[in-house]
Protein backbone atom coordinates (compact mmCIF):
# COMPACT_ATOMS: atom_id res chain seq x y z
CA MET A 1 12.80 -0.22 9.82
CA ALA A 2 9.30 -0.91 11.53
CA THR A 3 8.72 -1.53 15.18
CA VAL A 4 5.75 -3.95 16.60
CA THR A 5 4.58 -3.60 19.74
CA PHE A 6 2.94 -6.65 21.10
CA THR A 7 0.44 -6.20 23.90
CA SER A 8 -1.70 -8.51 25.98
CA PRO A 9 -3.59 -8.00 29.37
CA GLU A 10 -1.60 -10.94 30.56
CA TYR A 11 1.39 -9.78 29.58
CA ARG A 12 3.70 -6.60 29.49
CA ASP A 13 4.17 -4.37 26.20
CA LYS A 14 7.16 -5.80 24.42
CA THR A 15 7.98 -3.83 21.21
CA VAL A 16 10.31 -5.47 18.69
CA TYR A 17 11.73 -4.34 15.27
CA ALA A 18 10.62 -5.67 12.32
CA VAL A 19 11.94 -5.94 8.35
CA ALA A 20 9.38 -4.13 6.62
CA GLY A 21 8.16 -5.14 3.42
CA SER A 22 9.91 -8.76 3.77
CA HIS A 23 7.42 -10.37 2.00
CA THR A 24 7.85 -13.12 4.27
CA GLN A 25 7.52 -12.24 7.86
CA THR A 26 4.31 -12.23 9.11
CA ILE A 27 3.04 -10.91 12.52
CA LEU A 28 3.00 -14.69 13.67
CA LYS A 29 6.08 -15.43 12.62
CA LEU A 30 7.85 -12.01 14.28
CA ALA A 31 6.10 -13.16 17.47
CA GLN A 32 7.21 -16.64 17.68
CA GLU A 33 10.81 -15.36 16.56
CA ASN A 34 10.53 -13.08 19.90
CA LYS A 35 8.86 -15.43 22.33
CA ILE A 36 5.74 -13.68 22.08
CA PRO A 37 2.41 -15.94 22.78
CA ILE A 38 0.09 -15.20 20.23
CA GLN A 39 -1.91 -18.71 19.85
CA PHE A 40 -1.91 -20.38 16.79
CA GLU A 41 -2.95 -23.41 15.24
CA CYS A 42 -2.99 -24.12 11.59
CA GLU A 43 -0.74 -21.14 10.24
CA ASP A 44 -2.17 -20.72 7.07
CA GLY A 45 -5.29 -18.63 7.43
CA GLU A 46 -7.88 -21.29 8.07
CA CYS A 47 -8.73 -21.69 11.64
CA GLY A 48 -8.84 -17.77 13.14
CA THR A 49 -6.94 -18.72 16.44
CA CYS A 50 -4.27 -16.36 15.84
CA LEU A 51 -6.79 -13.54 15.63
CA VAL A 52 -5.13 -9.98 16.59
CA LYS A 53 -6.02 -6.62 16.78
CA ILE A 54 -3.68 -3.65 15.04
CA THR A 55 -4.03 -0.26 15.34
CA SER A 56 -1.20 2.18 13.53
CA LEU A 57 1.10 3.70 15.79
CA ASP A 58 2.54 6.36 13.43
CA ASN A 59 -0.86 7.74 11.79
CA LYS A 60 -0.41 5.90 8.44
CA GLU A 61 -3.44 4.17 8.49
CA ARG A 62 -2.24 1.01 6.58
CA MET A 63 -1.48 -1.49 9.53
CA GLY A 64 -0.24 -4.45 7.21
CA GLY A 65 -1.51 -4.16 3.90
CA PRO A 66 -4.89 -5.67 2.30
CA LEU A 67 -6.79 -8.95 3.66
CA THR A 68 -6.36 -11.83 2.16
CA GLU A 69 -9.05 -13.81 0.92
CA LYS A 70 -8.79 -16.38 3.60
CA GLU A 71 -9.02 -13.51 5.89
CA LYS A 72 -12.07 -11.87 4.53
CA LYS A 73 -13.91 -15.58 5.09
CA ILE A 74 -12.58 -16.42 8.78
CA LEU A 75 -13.27 -12.73 9.68
CA GLN A 76 -16.89 -12.53 8.51
CA GLU A 77 -17.29 -16.08 9.98
CA MET A 78 -16.01 -15.04 13.51
CA GLY A 79 -18.68 -12.04 13.28
CA LYS A 80 -15.43 -9.64 12.91
CA LEU A 81 -15.77 -8.17 9.66
CA SER A 82 -19.52 -7.58 8.06
CA ARG A 83 -20.19 -7.32 4.35
CA GLU A 84 -21.03 -3.45 4.88
CA GLU A 85 -17.41 -2.97 6.74
CA MET A 86 -16.14 -5.04 3.72
CA GLU A 87 -17.25 -3.01 1.00
CA GLN A 88 -16.16 0.63 2.95
CA MET A 89 -12.74 -1.13 3.40
CA ILE A 90 -12.86 -1.39 -0.37
CA VAL A 91 -13.81 2.12 -0.60
CA ASP A 92 -11.83 3.94 1.58
CA ASP A 93 -8.67 1.60 0.81
CA LEU A 94 -8.04 0.87 4.59
CA PRO A 95 -7.76 -2.71 6.13
CA SER A 96 -9.78 -3.87 8.99
CA LEU A 97 -8.64 -3.46 12.38
CA TRP A 98 -9.21 -7.48 13.14
CA ARG A 99 -6.45 -9.62 11.39
CA LEU A 100 -5.46 -12.93 11.31
CA ALA A 101 -1.35 -12.71 12.66
CA CYS A 102 -0.41 -15.52 10.35
CA GLN A 103 -1.43 -13.69 7.15
CA VAL A 104 -0.29 -10.03 7.60
CA ILE A 105 3.14 -8.78 6.17
CA VAL A 106 5.08 -6.31 8.36
CA ARG A 107 5.28 -3.10 6.27
CA ASP A 108 7.02 0.22 6.94
CA GLU A 109 5.07 1.26 9.79
CA ASP A 110 4.93 1.09 13.39
CA ILE A 111 2.03 -0.60 14.69
CA ARG A 112 0.39 -2.32 18.16
CA VAL A 113 -0.59 -5.83 18.02
CA GLU A 114 -3.55 -6.85 20.62
CA TYR A 115 -3.46 -10.18 20.89
């Protein structure tokens, strides 16, 4: 079972358990179920409102799996992901620290989500 620690400058850290690899439980859904106030609008990866920063707490360096095409587009538009960084992610097989909470599926890893 994975743990997800949500952190924000305005709220105290909250750690919750997540069912790893459910293929349906996104960071945003997990936050909603646990009353964690991550902002969102579309819930479909189109607006970028649910931007979060994800870091590994167990040094697995996977942090939610590969970016979706929607994430790549929005993160580039928001200036959070350059073309060079995207190419390096492909070479290193590592995801970006910046993600959209509505697109990230929880994996078997302990992570910190800054919102």
